[in-house]
């Protein structure tokens, strides 16, 4: 999965670029499996019978199928509806910068590799925080470089080819650096960076050994 782009190699971007990680059986990506394993083994949502409300932005096919099997769950799937893509009928058209739900609605929010596509990511983070219940959890993954102290972005760059050159993908608006966590904290989240990929028990899942889970919480 992914493409080999010089800027991704230069900054050793985690969670992007060429990866031999697509499952031949189900088609899931390493990024999708990482979130699933965190949900399964850390949040234990598939074992807990407690009723849970989940918001999933840009839901991945395999991951959303598994979450959709939960019985005690209100599961809302939202996406931007990008032209040229096909969307399941269960997915609601939704702008992550203007989420059509009241505050304190969801117990869990999943937003996996979305924020790099959003023009006003601070607004999106604020909205995700707003709709999360007190004590609720959020998984907010992005491609990120630990070589960059500050996120690389330039709103004047609108040409897709230039974005590809600068940020690693034609529809990416930035390349996150180590200040990503600071941005999340500014939105109100408590953030814990959890690295599960190197654990021996997950070796067979072919995860990126350097990709952390950005586990966020609303106090």
Protein backbone atom coordinates (compact mmCIF):
# COMPACT_ATOMS: atom_id res chain seq x y z
CA UNK A 1 0.00 0.00 0.00
CA UNK A 2 1.04 3.63 -0.42
CA UNK A 3 3.51 5.30 -2.76
CA UNK A 4 7.21 5.99 -2.53
CA UNK A 5 7.45 9.79 -2.48
CA UNK A 6 10.80 11.52 -1.79
CA UNK A 7 9.42 13.79 0.94
CA UNK A 8 8.10 10.78 2.86
CA UNK A 9 11.53 9.16 2.72
CA UNK A 10 13.30 12.40 3.61
CA UNK A 11 11.30 12.90 6.78
CA UNK A 12 10.84 9.18 7.54
CA UNK A 13 7.09 9.64 7.74
CA UNK A 14 5.34 7.04 9.86
CA UNK A 15 2.04 5.71 8.57
CA UNK A 16 2.58 6.74 4.96
CA UNK A 17 4.54 5.68 1.89
CA UNK A 18 5.14 2.24 0.41
CA UNK A 19 4.25 -0.55 2.84
CA UNK A 20 3.98 -4.31 2.31
CA UNK A 21 1.07 -4.46 4.67
CA UNK A 22 -2.17 -5.16 2.83
CA UNK A 23 -3.80 -8.41 3.89
CA UNK A 24 -4.29 -10.72 0.89
CA UNK A 25 -7.29 -12.31 2.55
CA UNK A 26 -9.39 -9.38 3.79
CA UNK A 27 -7.69 -6.35 2.19
CA UNK A 28 -7.10 -4.55 5.49
CA UNK A 29 -4.16 -2.18 5.83
CA UNK A 30 -1.63 -2.04 8.66
CA UNK A 31 -3.18 1.24 9.85
CA UNK A 32 -6.60 -0.40 10.03
CA UNK A 33 -5.33 -3.43 11.95
CA UNK A 34 -3.48 -1.23 14.42
CA UNK A 35 -6.68 0.57 15.40
CA UNK A 36 -8.61 -2.70 15.56
CA UNK A 37 -6.10 -4.29 17.92
CA UNK A 38 -6.16 -1.25 20.18
CA UNK A 39 -9.96 -1.36 20.28
CA UNK A 40 -9.89 -5.10 20.96
CA UNK A 41 -7.10 -5.42 23.51
CA UNK A 42 -6.87 -2.01 25.20
CA UNK A 43 -10.37 -0.54 25.09
CA UNK A 44 -11.91 -4.03 24.94
CA UNK A 45 -15.03 -2.82 23.18
CA UNK A 46 -15.72 -6.27 21.71
CA UNK A 47 -15.93 -7.90 25.13
CA UNK A 48 -17.71 -5.21 27.13
CA UNK A 49 -21.52 -5.50 27.11
CA UNK A 50 -21.93 -1.86 28.16
CA UNK A 51 -23.88 0.24 25.64
CA UNK A 52 -21.52 2.48 23.68
CA UNK A 53 -21.96 5.32 21.19
CA UNK A 54 -19.27 5.46 18.50
CA UNK A 55 -18.50 8.06 15.84
CA UNK A 56 -16.25 6.82 13.05
CA UNK A 57 -14.98 9.42 10.56
CA UNK A 58 -14.05 8.08 7.10
CA UNK A 59 -14.76 4.49 8.17
CA UNK A 60 -12.47 1.81 6.78
CA UNK A 61 -14.35 -1.16 5.28
CA UNK A 62 -12.99 -4.00 7.39
CA UNK A 63 -12.77 -2.08 10.63
CA UNK A 64 -16.30 -0.68 10.32
CA UNK A 65 -17.65 -4.14 9.51
CA UNK A 66 -16.21 -5.51 12.73
CA UNK A 67 -17.48 -2.59 14.83
CA UNK A 68 -20.87 -2.89 13.16
CA UNK A 69 -21.21 -6.39 14.64
CA UNK A 70 -21.44 -4.93 18.15
CA UNK A 71 -24.92 -5.45 19.59
CA UNK A 72 -24.99 -2.79 22.32
CA UNK A 73 -23.85 0.06 20.15
CA UNK A 74 -24.99 3.19 18.37
CA UNK A 75 -22.55 3.36 15.48
CA UNK A 76 -22.43 6.53 13.38
CA UNK A 77 -20.25 6.59 10.26
CA UNK A 78 -19.50 9.91 8.58
CA UNK A 79 -17.49 11.02 5.59
CA UNK A 80 -16.93 14.02 3.34
CA UNK A 81 -18.16 12.21 0.19
CA UNK A 82 -15.23 13.01 -2.07
CA UNK A 83 -16.07 13.08 -5.78
CA UNK A 84 -15.06 9.90 -7.58
CA UNK A 85 -15.40 7.63 -4.54
CA UNK A 86 -18.21 5.22 -3.73
CA UNK A 87 -19.70 5.19 -0.25
CA UNK A 88 -21.79 2.63 1.58
CA UNK A 89 -25.39 3.65 2.19
CA UNK A 90 -24.80 3.42 5.94
CA UNK A 91 -22.29 6.30 5.79
CA UNK A 92 -23.64 9.81 6.46
CA UNK A 93 -22.35 12.84 4.59
CA UNK A 94 -20.48 14.79 7.24
CA UNK A 95 -18.03 17.66 7.59
CA UNK A 96 -15.62 16.94 10.43
CA UNK A 97 -15.38 20.70 11.02
CA UNK A 98 -19.13 20.91 11.60
CA UNK A 99 -20.30 17.62 13.09
CA UNK A 100 -24.14 17.53 13.17
CA UNK A 101 -24.47 16.18 16.72
CA UNK A 102 -24.81 17.84 20.12
CA UNK A 103 -21.95 18.10 22.58
CA UNK A 104 -21.13 15.13 24.81
CA UNK A 105 -22.78 12.62 22.46
CA UNK A 106 -20.20 9.87 21.86
CA UNK A 107 -18.21 7.54 24.10
CA UNK A 108 -15.65 6.82 21.39
CA UNK A 109 -14.45 8.69 18.33
CA UNK A 110 -12.27 7.12 15.61
CA UNK A 111 -10.60 9.41 13.08
CA UNK A 112 -7.88 7.44 11.30
CA UNK A 113 -5.65 9.39 8.87
CA UNK A 114 -8.19 12.12 8.15
CA UNK A 115 -6.91 15.35 9.70
CA UNK A 116 -4.11 15.74 7.15
CA UNK A 117 -6.84 16.21 4.53
CA UNK A 118 -8.73 18.91 6.44
CA UNK A 119 -8.13 22.60 5.76
CA UNK A 120 -8.82 23.75 9.32
CA UNK A 121 -7.53 20.86 11.39
CA UNK A 122 -7.77 22.88 14.61
CA UNK A 123 -11.51 23.28 14.03
CA UNK A 124 -11.85 19.58 13.28
CA UNK A 125 -10.04 18.65 16.49
CA UNK A 126 -12.26 21.05 18.41
CA UNK A 127 -15.39 19.45 16.94
CA UNK A 128 -14.21 15.93 17.73
CA UNK A 129 -13.55 17.06 21.30
CA UNK A 130 -16.96 18.76 21.54
CA UNK A 131 -19.02 15.70 20.59
CA UNK A 132 -17.03 13.39 22.87
CA UNK A 133 -18.48 12.67 26.30
CA UNK A 134 -16.55 13.51 29.44
CA UNK A 135 -14.41 10.47 30.08
CA UNK A 136 -14.74 9.47 26.43
CA UNK A 137 -11.89 8.20 24.26
CA UNK A 138 -10.70 9.19 20.80
CA UNK A 139 -8.23 7.56 18.42
CA UNK A 140 -6.81 10.28 16.18
CA UNK A 141 -4.18 8.89 13.82
CA UNK A 142 -2.18 10.87 11.24
CA UNK A 143 0.97 10.31 9.16
CA UNK A 144 3.74 11.89 11.18
CA UNK A 145 7.46 12.60 11.13
CA UNK A 146 9.57 12.56 14.26
CA UNK A 147 12.25 14.47 12.36
CA UNK A 148 10.02 17.52 12.12
CA UNK A 149 9.72 19.58 15.27
CA UNK A 150 6.94 21.61 13.66
CA UNK A 151 4.22 20.53 11.26
CA UNK A 152 5.03 21.34 7.65
CA UNK A 153 2.12 23.23 6.04
CA UNK A 154 1.48 26.05 3.63
CA UNK A 155 -2.12 27.07 2.85
CA UNK A 156 -0.99 28.81 -0.33
CA UNK A 157 -0.14 25.45 -1.90
CA UNK A 158 -3.25 24.35 -3.77
CA UNK A 159 -1.80 22.54 -6.78
CA UNK A 160 -2.18 18.74 -6.29
CA UNK A 161 1.24 17.98 -7.76
CA UNK A 162 2.91 20.49 -5.45
CA UNK A 163 1.07 19.01 -2.49
CA UNK A 164 2.33 15.60 -3.54
CA UNK A 165 5.86 16.96 -3.58
CA UNK A 166 5.59 18.84 -0.28
CA UNK A 167 3.28 16.65 1.81
CA UNK A 168 3.45 13.22 0.18
CA UNK A 169 -0.06 13.00 -1.26
CA UNK A 170 -2.09 15.11 -3.68
CA UNK A 171 -4.92 15.65 -1.20
CA UNK A 172 -2.80 16.19 1.90
CA UNK A 173 -2.63 19.73 3.25
CA UNK A 174 0.20 19.23 5.74
CA UNK A 175 2.82 16.87 7.04
CA UNK A 176 2.58 16.53 10.80
CA UNK A 177 5.60 16.87 13.04
CA UNK A 178 6.15 16.32 16.76
CA UNK A 179 3.91 19.29 17.58
CA UNK A 180 0.87 17.19 16.61
CA UNK A 181 0.34 16.24 20.24
CA UNK A 182 0.49 19.92 21.23
CA UNK A 183 -2.28 20.64 18.73
CA UNK A 184 -4.46 17.93 20.25
CA UNK A 185 -3.84 19.22 23.77
CA UNK A 186 -4.74 22.73 22.63
CA UNK A 187 -8.09 21.34 21.45
CA UNK A 188 -8.68 20.06 24.98
CA UNK A 189 -7.59 16.43 24.79
CA UNK A 190 -5.41 14.53 27.19
CA UNK A 191 -3.03 12.54 24.98
CA UNK A 192 -1.18 9.30 25.55
CA UNK A 193 1.14 7.91 22.88
CA UNK A 194 0.99 4.12 22.97
CA UNK A 195 3.31 1.89 20.95
CA UNK A 196 1.86 -1.61 20.68
CA UNK A 197 3.28 -2.50 17.26
CA UNK A 198 6.54 -3.95 18.60
CA UNK A 199 4.85 -6.37 20.97
CA UNK A 200 5.64 -9.98 19.99
CA UNK A 201 2.02 -11.05 20.14
CA UNK A 202 1.20 -8.68 17.29
CA UNK A 203 4.01 -9.76 14.97
CA UNK A 204 1.69 -11.74 12.70
CA UNK A 205 -0.41 -8.62 12.03
CA UNK A 206 2.45 -6.94 10.11
CA UNK A 207 2.06 -3.57 11.81
CA UNK A 208 4.35 -0.63 11.29
CA UNK A 209 6.75 -1.05 14.23
CA UNK A 210 7.05 2.72 14.64
CA UNK A 211 3.40 3.76 14.46
CA UNK A 212 1.96 4.81 17.79
CA UNK A 213 -1.66 5.07 18.78
CA UNK A 214 -2.59 8.64 19.68
CA UNK A 215 -4.97 7.75 22.47
CA UNK A 216 -6.94 10.84 23.41
CA UNK A 217 -9.30 11.40 26.30
CA UNK A 218 -11.74 14.07 27.38
CA UNK A 219 -11.51 14.67 31.10
